[in-house]
Protein backbone atom coordinates (compact mmCIF):
# COMPACT_ATOMS: atom_id res chain seq x y z
CA MET A 1 11.15 -57.90 -39.07
CA ALA A 2 12.86 -56.88 -35.80
CA LYS A 3 10.76 -54.37 -33.86
CA GLU A 4 11.64 -51.00 -32.30
CA GLN A 5 15.01 -50.43 -33.90
CA LEU A 6 16.64 -47.46 -35.61
CA ALA A 7 20.00 -47.90 -37.33
CA TYR A 8 22.02 -44.93 -38.57
CA TRP A 9 24.56 -44.59 -41.37
CA ARG A 10 26.84 -41.92 -42.74
CA ASN A 11 28.43 -42.73 -46.09
CA PRO A 12 31.90 -41.21 -46.73
CA ALA A 13 30.69 -40.08 -50.16
CA LEU A 14 27.88 -38.09 -48.52
CA PRO A 15 29.43 -37.14 -45.17
CA ASP A 16 26.83 -34.53 -44.20
CA ILE A 17 23.80 -36.71 -44.90
CA GLU A 18 22.30 -38.92 -42.20
CA LEU A 19 20.69 -42.19 -43.28
CA THR A 20 18.30 -44.20 -41.14
CA LEU A 21 16.71 -47.63 -41.33
CA ALA A 22 13.73 -48.04 -39.01
CA SER A 23 11.94 -51.17 -37.89
CA VAL A 24 9.06 -49.97 -35.73
CA LYS A 25 5.89 -51.49 -34.34
CA ASN A 26 4.87 -49.77 -31.10
CA PHE A 27 7.23 -46.81 -30.77
CA GLU A 28 5.67 -43.43 -31.55
CA PHE A 29 7.59 -40.29 -32.45
CA GLU A 30 6.00 -37.43 -30.55
CA ARG A 31 5.63 -33.97 -32.06
CA HIS A 32 9.08 -32.84 -33.12
CA ILE A 33 11.09 -30.88 -35.67
CA HIS A 34 14.36 -31.41 -37.52
CA LEU A 35 17.12 -28.99 -38.49
CA ASP A 36 17.45 -30.74 -41.85
CA TYR A 37 15.15 -31.77 -44.69
CA HIS A 38 13.80 -35.27 -44.11
CA ILE A 39 12.85 -37.60 -46.94
CA GLY A 40 11.32 -40.98 -46.18
CA ALA A 41 9.64 -44.09 -47.54
CA VAL A 42 8.48 -47.47 -46.26
CA SER A 43 9.22 -50.83 -47.85
CA THR A 44 6.73 -52.80 -45.72
CA GLY A 45 3.76 -51.79 -43.60
CA CYS A 46 2.30 -48.32 -43.27
CA MET A 47 3.38 -45.25 -41.31
CA GLN A 48 0.96 -42.62 -40.00
CA TYR A 49 2.05 -39.08 -39.26
CA LEU A 50 0.59 -35.69 -38.40
CA HIS A 51 1.86 -32.67 -40.31
CA HIS A 52 0.43 -29.13 -40.19
CA GLY A 53 -2.70 -30.47 -38.52
CA ASN A 54 -3.37 -33.09 -41.21
CA ASN A 55 -2.99 -36.86 -40.90
CA TYR A 56 -1.14 -38.77 -43.61
CA LEU A 57 -0.71 -42.49 -44.27
CA MET A 58 2.52 -43.47 -45.98
CA GLY A 59 2.36 -46.94 -47.47
CA THR A 60 4.66 -48.62 -49.94
CA GLY A 61 5.18 -46.54 -53.07
CA LEU A 62 4.77 -43.14 -51.40
CA LEU A 63 7.43 -40.61 -50.44
CA SER A 64 7.37 -38.16 -47.53
CA THR A 65 9.11 -34.77 -47.59
CA ILE A 66 9.44 -32.74 -44.40
CA ASN A 67 11.04 -29.30 -44.48
CA PRO A 68 13.27 -28.08 -41.63
CA ASP A 69 11.38 -26.80 -38.61
CA GLU A 70 8.06 -28.39 -39.60
CA VAL A 71 6.33 -30.06 -36.66
CA HIS A 72 5.26 -33.65 -37.28
CA THR A 73 4.77 -37.02 -35.59
CA GLY A 74 5.29 -40.66 -36.59
CA ALA A 75 3.70 -44.00 -35.69
CA SER A 76 2.86 -47.35 -37.21
CA GLU A 77 -0.51 -47.78 -38.84
CA SER A 78 0.12 -51.48 -39.47
CA GLU A 79 -0.43 -54.24 -36.92
CA ASN A 80 2.99 -55.70 -37.69
CA GLY A 81 4.80 -52.36 -37.84
CA TYR A 82 6.68 -50.79 -40.71
CA ALA A 83 10.15 -50.77 -42.24
CA GLY A 84 11.17 -47.16 -42.91
CA HIS A 85 13.99 -45.67 -44.96
CA PHE A 86 14.87 -42.08 -44.13
CA MET A 87 17.41 -39.49 -45.19
CA ALA A 88 18.29 -36.20 -43.47
CA VAL A 89 19.68 -33.67 -45.94
CA PRO A 90 21.27 -30.42 -44.72
CA PRO A 91 19.66 -27.17 -45.91
CA GLN A 92 22.96 -26.15 -47.51
CA TYR A 93 22.85 -29.12 -49.89
CA ILE A 94 19.28 -28.41 -50.97
CA SER A 95 20.00 -24.68 -51.32
CA ARG A 96 22.99 -25.29 -53.61
CA ILE A 97 20.89 -27.36 -55.99
CA SER A 98 18.02 -24.86 -55.82
CA ARG A 99 20.38 -22.07 -56.86
CA GLU A 100 21.68 -24.15 -59.76
CA LEU A 101 18.08 -24.68 -60.84
CA LYS A 102 17.40 -20.95 -60.39
CA MET A 103 14.58 -21.75 -57.99
CA PRO A 104 13.65 -18.87 -55.66
CA GLU A 105 13.37 -21.05 -52.57
CA ALA A 106 14.26 -24.52 -51.35
CA PHE A 107 10.95 -25.84 -50.06
CA PHE A 108 8.95 -29.02 -50.58
CA THR A 109 5.29 -28.26 -51.14
CA GLN A 110 3.82 -31.73 -50.52
CA PRO A 111 4.40 -33.74 -47.32
CA LEU A 112 3.29 -36.94 -49.09
CA ILE A 113 4.11 -37.68 -52.73
CA ASP A 114 2.60 -40.35 -54.95
CA ASP A 115 5.29 -40.69 -57.61
CA PRO A 116 6.37 -44.27 -58.46
CA TYR A 117 9.47 -43.11 -60.34
CA LEU A 118 10.79 -41.00 -57.46
CA TYR A 119 9.90 -43.68 -54.93
CA GLN A 120 12.02 -46.24 -56.79
CA ALA A 121 14.80 -43.69 -57.27
CA PHE A 122 14.86 -42.93 -53.55
CA MET A 123 14.84 -46.59 -52.53
CA TYR A 124 17.75 -47.28 -54.88
CA LEU A 125 19.66 -44.25 -53.58
CA HIS A 126 19.09 -45.27 -49.98
CA SER A 127 20.09 -48.89 -50.59
CA ILE A 128 23.44 -48.03 -52.14
CA ALA A 129 24.09 -45.29 -49.57
CA VAL A 130 23.82 -47.72 -46.63
CA SER A 131 25.90 -50.43 -48.33
CA ASP A 132 29.66 -50.78 -48.06
CA GLN A 133 31.40 -48.90 -50.81
CA ASN A 134 34.96 -48.37 -51.86
CA ALA A 135 36.35 -45.03 -52.98
CA ALA A 136 35.84 -45.92 -56.65
CA GLN A 137 32.07 -46.07 -56.08
CA HIS A 138 31.78 -42.64 -54.49
CA LEU A 139 31.25 -40.93 -57.82
CA GLN A 140 28.24 -43.15 -58.50
CA LEU A 141 26.63 -42.34 -55.16
CA GLU A 142 27.25 -38.61 -55.48
CA THR A 143 25.73 -38.67 -58.96
CA VAL A 144 22.65 -40.65 -57.92
CA MET A 145 22.11 -38.38 -54.91
CA MET A 146 22.32 -35.22 -56.97
CA ALA A 147 20.09 -36.61 -59.72
CA PHE A 148 17.40 -37.64 -57.24
CA THR A 149 17.45 -34.34 -55.37
CA THR A 150 17.32 -32.35 -58.59
CA GLU A 151 14.33 -34.32 -59.86
CA LEU A 152 12.56 -34.01 -56.51
CA LEU A 153 12.99 -30.24 -56.44
CA GLN A 154 11.98 -29.80 -60.07
CA ARG A 155 8.78 -31.77 -59.56
CA TYR A 156 7.78 -30.77 -56.05
CA GLY A 157 9.81 -27.71 -55.04
CA GLY A 158 8.06 -24.39 -54.45
CA ARG A 159 7.49 -21.45 -52.16
CA ALA A 160 6.65 -21.62 -48.46
CA THR A 161 3.36 -20.01 -47.52
CA GLN A 162 3.10 -17.82 -44.43
CA THR A 163 0.82 -19.50 -41.88
CA CYS A 164 1.63 -17.59 -38.69
CA LYS A 165 -0.59 -14.52 -38.95
CA MET A 166 -3.90 -15.94 -37.74
CA THR A 167 -5.72 -14.59 -34.71
CA GLY A 168 -4.48 -16.10 -31.47
CA LYS A 169 -1.07 -16.96 -32.87
CA LEU A 170 2.30 -15.24 -32.77
CA SER A 171 3.30 -13.28 -35.86
CA CYS A 172 6.01 -14.60 -38.16
CA LEU A 173 8.39 -11.95 -36.83
CA GLN A 174 7.66 -12.90 -33.22
CA ILE A 175 8.21 -16.59 -33.92
CA LYS A 176 11.50 -15.83 -35.67
CA GLN A 177 12.61 -13.73 -32.70
CA ILE A 178 12.03 -16.61 -30.28
CA LYS A 179 13.62 -19.19 -32.57
CA ASP A 180 16.70 -17.00 -33.03
CA MET A 181 17.10 -16.88 -29.25
CA PHE A 182 16.89 -20.67 -29.00
CA HIS A 183 19.34 -21.29 -31.84
CA ALA A 184 21.84 -18.64 -30.73
CA ASP A 185 22.85 -20.59 -27.63
CA PRO A 186 21.24 -24.01 -26.98
CA SER A 187 23.05 -24.19 -23.64
CA GLN A 188 21.18 -21.16 -22.28
CA SER A 189 18.26 -21.53 -19.89
CA PHE A 190 15.08 -19.53 -20.39
CA VAL A 191 12.00 -18.81 -18.32
CA LEU A 192 8.62 -17.89 -19.75
CA GLN A 193 8.82 -14.32 -18.47
CA GLU A 194 11.95 -13.41 -20.46
CA LEU A 195 10.49 -14.94 -23.61
CA ALA A 196 7.13 -13.25 -23.21
CA GLU A 197 8.19 -9.74 -22.15
CA PRO A 198 9.94 -8.65 -25.39
CA LEU A 199 6.73 -9.57 -27.26
CA GLY A 200 4.55 -7.56 -24.92
CA LEU A 201 2.73 -10.67 -23.72
CA SER A 202 2.02 -12.23 -20.37
CA LYS A 203 3.50 -15.65 -19.63
CA PHE A 204 0.09 -17.25 -20.14
CA GLN A 205 -0.49 -15.45 -23.46
CA PHE A 206 2.95 -16.37 -24.76
CA LEU A 207 2.65 -20.04 -23.80
CA ARG A 208 -0.78 -20.34 -25.39
CA GLN A 209 0.12 -18.45 -28.57
CA PHE A 210 3.44 -20.25 -29.09
CA LYS A 211 1.75 -23.64 -28.79
CA GLN A 212 -1.03 -22.49 -31.10
CA SER A 213 1.54 -21.31 -33.66
CA MET A 214 4.02 -24.19 -33.51
CA GLY A 215 2.01 -27.16 -32.26
CA MET A 216 4.53 -27.64 -29.42
CA THR A 217 5.22 -25.93 -26.11
CA PRO A 218 8.33 -23.69 -25.97
CA HIS A 219 9.97 -26.22 -23.66
CA ALA A 220 9.36 -29.19 -25.98
CA TYR A 221 10.47 -27.19 -29.02
CA PHE A 222 13.69 -25.95 -27.39
CA LYS A 223 14.46 -29.43 -26.05
CA ARG A 224 14.23 -30.85 -29.55
CA ILE A 225 16.52 -28.15 -30.93
CA ARG A 226 19.06 -29.07 -28.26
CA LEU A 227 18.85 -32.75 -29.23
CA GLU A 228 19.28 -31.98 -32.92
CA TYR A 229 22.42 -29.95 -32.17
CA ALA A 230 23.63 -32.71 -29.87
CA LYS A 231 23.33 -35.23 -32.67
CA LYS A 232 25.36 -33.06 -35.04
CA ALA A 233 28.04 -32.47 -32.42
CA LEU A 234 28.33 -36.21 -31.74
CA ILE A 235 28.74 -36.95 -35.43
CA LYS A 236 31.63 -34.47 -35.55
CA GLY A 237 33.38 -36.41 -32.79
CA SER A 238 32.63 -34.40 -29.64
CA ASP A 239 32.65 -36.20 -26.30
CA ILE A 240 29.18 -37.15 -25.06
CA ALA A 241 29.64 -35.50 -21.65
CA ASP A 242 30.89 -32.30 -23.30
CA VAL A 243 27.99 -32.30 -25.74
CA ALA A 244 25.50 -32.60 -22.87
CA HIS A 245 26.75 -29.34 -21.37
CA GLN A 246 27.17 -27.63 -24.75
CA VAL A 247 23.48 -28.02 -25.51
CA GLY A 248 22.11 -27.32 -22.05
CA PHE A 249 21.55 -30.71 -20.43
CA PHE A 250 22.42 -31.09 -16.75
CA ASP A 251 24.70 -34.06 -17.34
CA GLN A 252 25.34 -37.04 -19.62
CA SER A 253 22.63 -39.12 -17.96
CA HIS A 254 20.07 -36.40 -18.61
CA LEU A 255 21.11 -36.27 -22.29
CA ASN A 256 21.04 -40.07 -22.58
CA LYS A 257 17.44 -40.25 -21.39
CA ALA A 258 16.17 -37.45 -23.64
CA PHE A 259 18.15 -38.71 -26.64
CA LYS A 260 16.74 -42.23 -26.36
CA GLN A 261 13.19 -40.93 -26.00
CA ALA A 262 13.62 -38.94 -29.21
CA TYR A 263 15.75 -41.26 -31.38
CA LEU A 264 15.22 -44.71 -29.82
CA VAL A 265 18.96 -45.08 -29.15
CA THR A 266 21.40 -43.66 -26.61
CA PRO A 267 24.08 -41.22 -27.84
CA ASN A 268 26.70 -43.96 -27.50
CA ASN A 269 24.64 -46.48 -29.48
CA PHE A 270 23.91 -43.78 -32.05
CA LEU A 271 27.63 -43.36 -32.70
CA GLN A 272 28.30 -47.11 -32.68
CA SER A 273 25.57 -47.73 -35.26
CA PHE A 274 27.32 -45.68 -37.94
CA VAL A 275 28.86 -47.78 -40.69
């Protein structure tokens, strides 16, 4: 198994869904979030990750489900690394199926699932999604994708619980206010004072309470949001240099360095790896 490699796919039948194959031994994903739902499994080895303050071990046969904006990490628990299979699903896709199922909310309640049937279903879905297909096979892939997602939501979908009202943390409303500022314009620059003042906090109080609430500093969180938007812009065909400025990086070199630290590939290699 080749080490320290992430390969990305986008199947024409599922154009908004990002597929990843990972071969990792030493590389560790630092605390980060995604804009999409992330579903993952390993075919060899074992992956360790932190989620909501709890450590999880994902070995063969288990399935991980990470909701958008949930802070987590990722590293190998096996001496020889792990082979990971991951899928990023846009919130709009999950929401459409949730509405069809008359579910009140699109949310996965378990970050680690022990369900042999769904594990096999996901591995099959991922394998055909990253393989070459002609137009006649698109219907099959769309059907398998929808069937898997429906089953996953029916078995493990539920309501999100509010966890941002504890002493020493920002309130849910305060967190939303800051996040809305970050998402409104990723190219904008912020300083602690302008983030803290509307909340009636000092810079020190805001920094401490944001980190306590989110598990990341405001800088690290905003940087990851910028990178997630950069990835989506690149997939849509935007020029790398233009994307760097659109999401607030000083130049293309600055984006390249941050992108590789987060995704193990440069923006150019990310685009070239799509099949």
